[in-house]
N, C-alpha and C. Protein backbone atom coordinates (compact mmCIF):
# COMPACT_ATOMS: atom_id res chain seq x y z
N UNK A 1 9.80 -16.92 -5.51
CA UNK A 1 9.86 -15.83 -4.48
C UNK A 1 10.22 -14.56 -5.18
N UNK A 2 9.68 -13.53 -4.70
CA UNK A 2 9.90 -12.12 -5.24
C UNK A 2 10.52 -11.31 -4.11
N UNK A 3 11.54 -10.68 -4.45
CA UNK A 3 12.23 -9.78 -3.43
C UNK A 3 12.14 -8.32 -3.89
N UNK A 4 11.48 -7.54 -3.02
CA UNK A 4 11.29 -6.06 -3.35
C UNK A 4 12.14 -5.25 -2.43
N UNK A 5 12.74 -4.16 -2.94
CA UNK A 5 13.46 -3.15 -2.09
C UNK A 5 12.62 -1.93 -2.17
N UNK A 6 12.05 -1.59 -1.03
CA UNK A 6 11.13 -0.51 -0.90
C UNK A 6 11.69 0.63 0.09
N UNK A 7 11.21 1.84 -0.01
CA UNK A 7 11.82 2.87 0.81
C UNK A 7 11.36 2.77 2.26
N UNK A 8 12.20 3.32 3.17
CA UNK A 8 11.87 3.46 4.62
C UNK A 8 10.70 4.36 4.69
N UNK A 9 9.89 4.19 5.69
CA UNK A 9 8.61 5.03 5.82
C UNK A 9 8.99 6.41 6.23
N UNK A 10 8.19 7.43 5.89
CA UNK A 10 8.40 8.78 6.34
C UNK A 10 8.15 8.91 7.90
N UNK A 11 8.74 10.00 8.46
CA UNK A 11 8.63 10.11 9.92
C UNK A 11 7.21 10.30 10.42
N UNK A 12 6.36 10.80 9.55
CA UNK A 12 4.95 10.99 9.89
C UNK A 12 4.23 9.63 10.18
N UNK A 13 4.83 8.53 9.71
CA UNK A 13 4.18 7.27 9.86
C UNK A 13 4.86 6.40 10.90
N UNK A 14 5.83 7.01 11.65
CA UNK A 14 6.54 6.18 12.63
C UNK A 14 5.53 5.77 13.75
N UNK A 15 5.69 4.48 14.02
CA UNK A 15 4.82 3.93 15.15
C UNK A 15 5.20 4.52 16.53
N UNK A 16 4.18 4.75 17.34
CA UNK A 16 4.40 5.27 18.69
C UNK A 16 4.97 6.69 18.62
N UNK A 17 4.88 7.28 17.51
CA UNK A 17 5.39 8.68 17.41
C UNK A 17 4.25 9.70 17.54
N UNK A 18 3.05 9.20 17.69
CA UNK A 18 1.87 10.10 17.75
C UNK A 18 1.64 10.66 16.37
N UNK A 19 0.46 10.96 16.08
CA UNK A 19 0.06 11.41 14.79
C UNK A 19 0.35 12.87 14.53
N UNK A 20 0.44 13.64 15.65
CA UNK A 20 0.65 15.07 15.34
C UNK A 20 -0.42 15.63 14.57
N UNK A 21 -0.04 16.15 13.48
CA UNK A 21 -1.01 16.76 12.52
C UNK A 21 -1.60 15.67 11.66
N UNK A 22 -2.89 15.39 11.84
CA UNK A 22 -3.49 14.24 11.12
C UNK A 22 -3.50 14.48 9.61
N UNK A 23 -3.56 15.68 9.18
CA UNK A 23 -3.56 15.89 7.70
C UNK A 23 -2.16 15.58 7.16
N UNK A 24 -1.08 15.90 7.87
CA UNK A 24 0.26 15.57 7.43
C UNK A 24 0.42 14.01 7.42
N UNK A 25 -0.20 13.38 8.37
CA UNK A 25 -0.12 11.94 8.40
C UNK A 25 -0.85 11.24 7.29
N UNK A 26 -1.94 11.83 6.95
CA UNK A 26 -2.81 11.28 5.82
C UNK A 26 -2.08 11.54 4.52
N UNK A 27 -1.48 12.69 4.32
CA UNK A 27 -0.78 12.93 3.07
C UNK A 27 0.43 12.00 2.93
N UNK A 28 1.24 11.86 4.08
CA UNK A 28 2.40 10.99 4.01
C UNK A 28 1.94 9.54 3.83
N UNK A 29 0.89 9.03 4.40
CA UNK A 29 0.42 7.75 4.20
C UNK A 29 0.03 7.51 2.73
N UNK A 30 -0.70 8.43 2.15
CA UNK A 30 -1.15 8.30 0.78
C UNK A 30 0.01 8.24 -0.19
N UNK A 31 0.93 9.12 0.03
CA UNK A 31 2.16 9.19 -0.85
C UNK A 31 3.04 7.93 -0.69
N UNK A 32 3.27 7.46 0.55
CA UNK A 32 4.03 6.30 0.82
C UNK A 32 3.41 5.03 0.14
N UNK A 33 2.06 4.95 0.30
CA UNK A 33 1.48 3.77 -0.30
C UNK A 33 1.52 3.79 -1.80
N UNK A 34 1.37 5.03 -2.38
CA UNK A 34 1.54 5.11 -3.78
C UNK A 34 2.90 4.84 -4.28
N UNK A 35 3.88 5.35 -3.64
CA UNK A 35 5.24 5.16 -3.98
C UNK A 35 5.65 3.68 -3.89
N UNK A 36 5.16 3.02 -2.86
CA UNK A 36 5.44 1.59 -2.70
C UNK A 36 4.72 0.75 -3.74
N UNK A 37 3.59 1.05 -4.10
CA UNK A 37 2.86 0.43 -5.22
C UNK A 37 3.62 0.55 -6.56
N UNK A 38 4.00 1.81 -6.88
CA UNK A 38 4.71 2.06 -8.17
C UNK A 38 6.01 1.30 -8.17
N UNK A 39 6.78 1.31 -7.04
CA UNK A 39 8.12 0.63 -7.03
C UNK A 39 7.94 -0.84 -7.05
N UNK A 40 6.90 -1.39 -6.44
CA UNK A 40 6.58 -2.87 -6.54
C UNK A 40 6.39 -3.25 -7.94
N UNK A 41 5.56 -2.54 -8.65
CA UNK A 41 5.24 -2.85 -10.05
C UNK A 41 6.59 -2.74 -10.87
N UNK A 42 7.38 -1.74 -10.63
CA UNK A 42 8.63 -1.62 -11.38
C UNK A 42 9.65 -2.81 -11.09
N UNK A 43 9.45 -3.40 -10.00
CA UNK A 43 10.35 -4.53 -9.66
C UNK A 43 9.69 -5.94 -9.93
N UNK A 44 8.58 -5.85 -10.76
CA UNK A 44 8.09 -7.05 -11.28
C UNK A 44 6.89 -7.66 -10.56
N UNK A 45 6.43 -7.04 -9.50
CA UNK A 45 5.25 -7.57 -8.84
C UNK A 45 3.98 -7.12 -9.63
N UNK A 46 3.07 -8.08 -9.65
CA UNK A 46 1.83 -7.81 -10.33
C UNK A 46 0.64 -8.67 -9.75
N UNK A 47 -0.50 -8.73 -10.40
CA UNK A 47 -1.52 -9.54 -9.85
C UNK A 47 -1.10 -11.00 -9.77
N UNK A 48 -1.55 -11.66 -8.64
CA UNK A 48 -1.23 -13.07 -8.34
C UNK A 48 -2.48 -13.81 -8.08
N UNK A 49 -2.41 -15.11 -8.43
CA UNK A 49 -3.50 -15.97 -8.19
C UNK A 49 -3.44 -16.80 -6.95
N UNK A 50 -2.52 -16.55 -6.07
CA UNK A 50 -2.27 -17.38 -4.84
C UNK A 50 -3.42 -17.10 -3.89
N UNK A 51 -3.77 -18.11 -3.07
CA UNK A 51 -4.71 -17.99 -2.06
C UNK A 51 -4.17 -17.12 -0.85
N UNK A 52 -2.84 -17.43 -0.53
CA UNK A 52 -2.19 -16.74 0.57
C UNK A 52 -0.85 -16.30 0.10
N UNK A 53 -0.34 -15.31 0.83
CA UNK A 53 1.08 -14.91 0.61
C UNK A 53 1.86 -14.84 1.94
N UNK A 54 3.07 -15.19 1.85
CA UNK A 54 3.93 -15.04 3.10
C UNK A 54 4.92 -13.87 2.81
N UNK A 55 4.93 -12.95 3.73
CA UNK A 55 5.78 -11.81 3.65
C UNK A 55 6.84 -11.81 4.73
N UNK A 56 8.01 -11.63 4.34
CA UNK A 56 9.14 -11.58 5.34
C UNK A 56 9.89 -10.33 5.14
N UNK A 57 10.11 -9.58 6.15
CA UNK A 57 10.77 -8.20 6.00
C UNK A 57 12.13 -8.22 6.59
N UNK A 58 13.03 -7.45 5.91
CA UNK A 58 14.37 -7.17 6.50
C UNK A 58 14.37 -5.61 6.47
N UNK A 59 14.55 -5.06 7.68
CA UNK A 59 14.52 -3.63 7.88
C UNK A 59 15.99 -3.20 7.89
N UNK A 60 16.28 -2.21 6.98
CA UNK A 60 17.60 -1.65 6.90
C UNK A 60 17.49 -0.16 7.28
N UNK A 61 17.72 0.13 8.58
CA UNK A 61 17.44 1.45 9.07
C UNK A 61 18.37 2.52 8.54
N UNK A 62 18.06 3.78 8.78
CA UNK A 62 18.88 4.88 8.34
C UNK A 62 20.17 5.05 9.18
N UNK A 63 20.08 4.73 10.42
CA UNK A 63 21.28 4.94 11.33
C UNK A 63 21.43 3.61 12.12
N UNK A 64 22.51 3.68 12.90
CA UNK A 64 22.79 2.47 13.72
C UNK A 64 21.87 2.39 14.91
N UNK A 65 20.96 3.41 15.23
CA UNK A 65 20.03 3.33 16.30
C UNK A 65 19.02 2.24 15.86
N UNK A 66 19.01 1.16 16.63
CA UNK A 66 18.24 -0.02 16.22
C UNK A 66 16.72 0.25 16.63
N UNK A 67 15.91 0.14 15.62
CA UNK A 67 14.46 0.29 15.94
C UNK A 67 13.81 -1.00 16.51
N UNK A 68 12.70 -0.93 17.09
CA UNK A 68 12.00 -2.07 17.62
C UNK A 68 11.29 -2.84 16.47
N UNK A 69 11.45 -4.14 16.32
CA UNK A 69 10.83 -4.84 15.22
C UNK A 69 9.39 -4.71 15.05
N UNK A 70 8.65 -4.77 16.21
CA UNK A 70 7.20 -4.66 16.15
C UNK A 70 6.78 -3.33 15.63
N UNK A 71 7.52 -2.18 16.07
CA UNK A 71 7.18 -0.89 15.58
C UNK A 71 7.45 -0.83 14.11
N UNK A 72 8.52 -1.48 13.62
CA UNK A 72 8.80 -1.48 12.21
C UNK A 72 7.67 -2.05 11.36
N UNK A 73 7.16 -3.24 11.80
CA UNK A 73 6.09 -3.82 11.11
C UNK A 73 4.82 -2.91 11.15
N UNK A 74 4.50 -2.25 12.23
CA UNK A 74 3.40 -1.32 12.45
C UNK A 74 3.63 -0.29 11.47
N UNK A 75 4.86 0.34 11.38
CA UNK A 75 5.10 1.43 10.49
C UNK A 75 4.98 1.16 8.94
N UNK A 76 4.94 -0.14 8.64
CA UNK A 76 4.81 -0.64 7.26
C UNK A 76 3.39 -0.96 6.84
N UNK A 77 2.42 -0.43 7.58
CA UNK A 77 1.09 -0.74 7.25
C UNK A 77 0.68 -0.38 5.77
N UNK A 78 1.08 0.82 5.43
CA UNK A 78 0.80 1.34 4.01
C UNK A 78 1.56 0.68 3.02
N UNK A 79 2.73 0.11 3.35
CA UNK A 79 3.52 -0.70 2.43
C UNK A 79 2.79 -1.99 2.21
N UNK A 80 2.24 -2.59 3.30
CA UNK A 80 1.57 -3.82 3.14
C UNK A 80 0.26 -3.65 2.30
N UNK A 81 -0.39 -2.41 2.56
CA UNK A 81 -1.55 -2.14 1.81
C UNK A 81 -1.23 -2.00 0.29
N UNK A 82 -0.13 -1.43 0.01
CA UNK A 82 0.27 -1.31 -1.38
C UNK A 82 0.54 -2.65 -2.06
N UNK A 83 1.11 -3.55 -1.35
CA UNK A 83 1.35 -4.93 -1.86
C UNK A 83 0.02 -5.62 -2.08
N UNK A 84 -0.92 -5.50 -1.17
CA UNK A 84 -2.25 -6.03 -1.31
C UNK A 84 -3.01 -5.44 -2.60
N UNK A 85 -2.84 -4.14 -2.83
CA UNK A 85 -3.46 -3.53 -3.97
C UNK A 85 -2.75 -4.01 -5.31
N UNK A 86 -1.52 -4.13 -5.33
CA UNK A 86 -0.82 -4.55 -6.54
C UNK A 86 -1.13 -5.97 -6.81
N UNK A 87 -1.10 -6.87 -5.86
CA UNK A 87 -1.28 -8.33 -6.08
C UNK A 87 -2.81 -8.71 -6.18
N UNK A 88 -3.67 -7.87 -5.71
CA UNK A 88 -5.07 -8.17 -5.70
C UNK A 88 -5.47 -9.25 -4.66
N UNK A 89 -4.64 -9.36 -3.73
CA UNK A 89 -4.95 -10.27 -2.54
C UNK A 89 -5.15 -9.49 -1.32
N UNK A 90 -6.28 -9.71 -0.64
CA UNK A 90 -6.58 -9.03 0.54
C UNK A 90 -5.50 -9.26 1.61
N UNK A 91 -5.06 -8.25 2.37
CA UNK A 91 -3.92 -8.41 3.31
C UNK A 91 -4.36 -9.23 4.47
N UNK A 92 -5.63 -9.65 4.63
CA UNK A 92 -6.00 -10.59 5.74
C UNK A 92 -5.51 -12.05 5.36
N UNK A 93 -5.15 -12.20 4.07
CA UNK A 93 -4.63 -13.48 3.57
C UNK A 93 -3.07 -13.55 3.58
N UNK A 94 -2.43 -12.62 4.18
CA UNK A 94 -0.98 -12.52 4.36
C UNK A 94 -0.53 -13.21 5.64
N UNK A 95 0.52 -14.02 5.57
CA UNK A 95 1.20 -14.56 6.64
C UNK A 95 2.58 -13.89 6.69
N UNK A 96 3.20 -13.92 7.98
CA UNK A 96 4.41 -13.13 8.14
C UNK A 96 5.46 -14.10 8.59
N UNK A 97 6.63 -14.08 7.98
CA UNK A 97 7.72 -14.84 8.55
C UNK A 97 8.55 -14.05 9.49
N UNK A 98 9.71 -14.56 9.76
CA UNK A 98 10.66 -13.92 10.81
C UNK A 98 11.14 -12.57 10.16
N UNK A 99 11.05 -11.49 10.99
CA UNK A 99 11.50 -10.12 10.56
C UNK A 99 12.84 -9.99 11.15
N UNK A 100 13.79 -9.32 10.31
CA UNK A 100 15.15 -9.09 10.87
C UNK A 100 15.46 -7.55 10.71
N UNK A 101 16.41 -7.17 11.41
CA UNK A 101 16.97 -5.80 11.27
C UNK A 101 18.33 -6.01 10.75
N UNK A 102 18.67 -5.45 9.52
CA UNK A 102 19.94 -5.60 8.88
C UNK A 102 20.89 -4.32 9.20
N UNK A 103 21.92 -4.34 8.45
CA UNK A 103 22.81 -3.13 8.57
C UNK A 103 22.17 -1.90 8.02
N UNK A 104 22.49 -0.77 8.55
CA UNK A 104 21.96 0.49 8.09
C UNK A 104 22.44 0.77 6.65
N UNK A 105 21.48 1.43 5.83
CA UNK A 105 21.86 1.96 4.55
C UNK A 105 21.42 3.36 4.48
N UNK A 106 22.06 4.14 3.58
CA UNK A 106 21.69 5.58 3.44
C UNK A 106 20.23 5.71 3.04
N UNK A 107 19.46 6.41 3.78
CA UNK A 107 18.07 6.65 3.48
C UNK A 107 17.18 5.62 3.97
N UNK A 108 17.73 4.43 4.46
CA UNK A 108 16.91 3.32 5.01
C UNK A 108 16.27 2.55 3.80
N UNK A 109 15.83 1.32 4.05
CA UNK A 109 15.17 0.49 3.17
C UNK A 109 14.42 -0.59 3.83
N UNK A 110 13.45 -1.13 3.16
CA UNK A 110 12.73 -2.33 3.64
C UNK A 110 12.74 -3.33 2.52
N UNK A 111 13.38 -4.51 2.77
CA UNK A 111 13.46 -5.57 1.82
C UNK A 111 12.29 -6.54 2.19
N UNK A 112 11.55 -6.83 1.18
CA UNK A 112 10.32 -7.72 1.34
C UNK A 112 10.49 -8.92 0.53
N UNK A 113 10.45 -10.10 1.11
CA UNK A 113 10.44 -11.34 0.39
C UNK A 113 8.92 -11.79 0.35
N UNK A 114 8.40 -12.15 -0.83
CA UNK A 114 6.99 -12.52 -1.03
C UNK A 114 7.05 -13.90 -1.57
N UNK A 115 6.34 -14.81 -0.95
CA UNK A 115 6.25 -16.19 -1.29
C UNK A 115 4.79 -16.60 -1.38
N UNK A 116 4.42 -17.36 -2.36
CA UNK A 116 3.06 -17.89 -2.51
C UNK A 116 2.84 -19.05 -1.50
N UNK A 117 1.70 -19.10 -1.02
CA UNK A 117 1.19 -20.23 -0.21
C UNK A 117 1.40 -20.16 1.23
């Protein structure tokens, strides 16, 4: 099992927040995906030979205002795309475990557990 600590998504990618300026959304999405990809590699993630991966998220919000779990997963679309790019496994081959919301941390974080199979 690999555990990654990745950044909280930018406000432009917030689920149900409306896209507002689509150019700002696109720039934020591209940067967030790139940042998550580099951080994943720095934490030891690389190409995998597994047929399927199981991802489990622990969301560590910025504040005590608890976000909705479904919206958290939706907001992590580009994080999931980054993991797919780094591992070389299409995200349609990802299964998802139980997602939890943990204690707040400064700046927020997303903890991702990755298991093969």
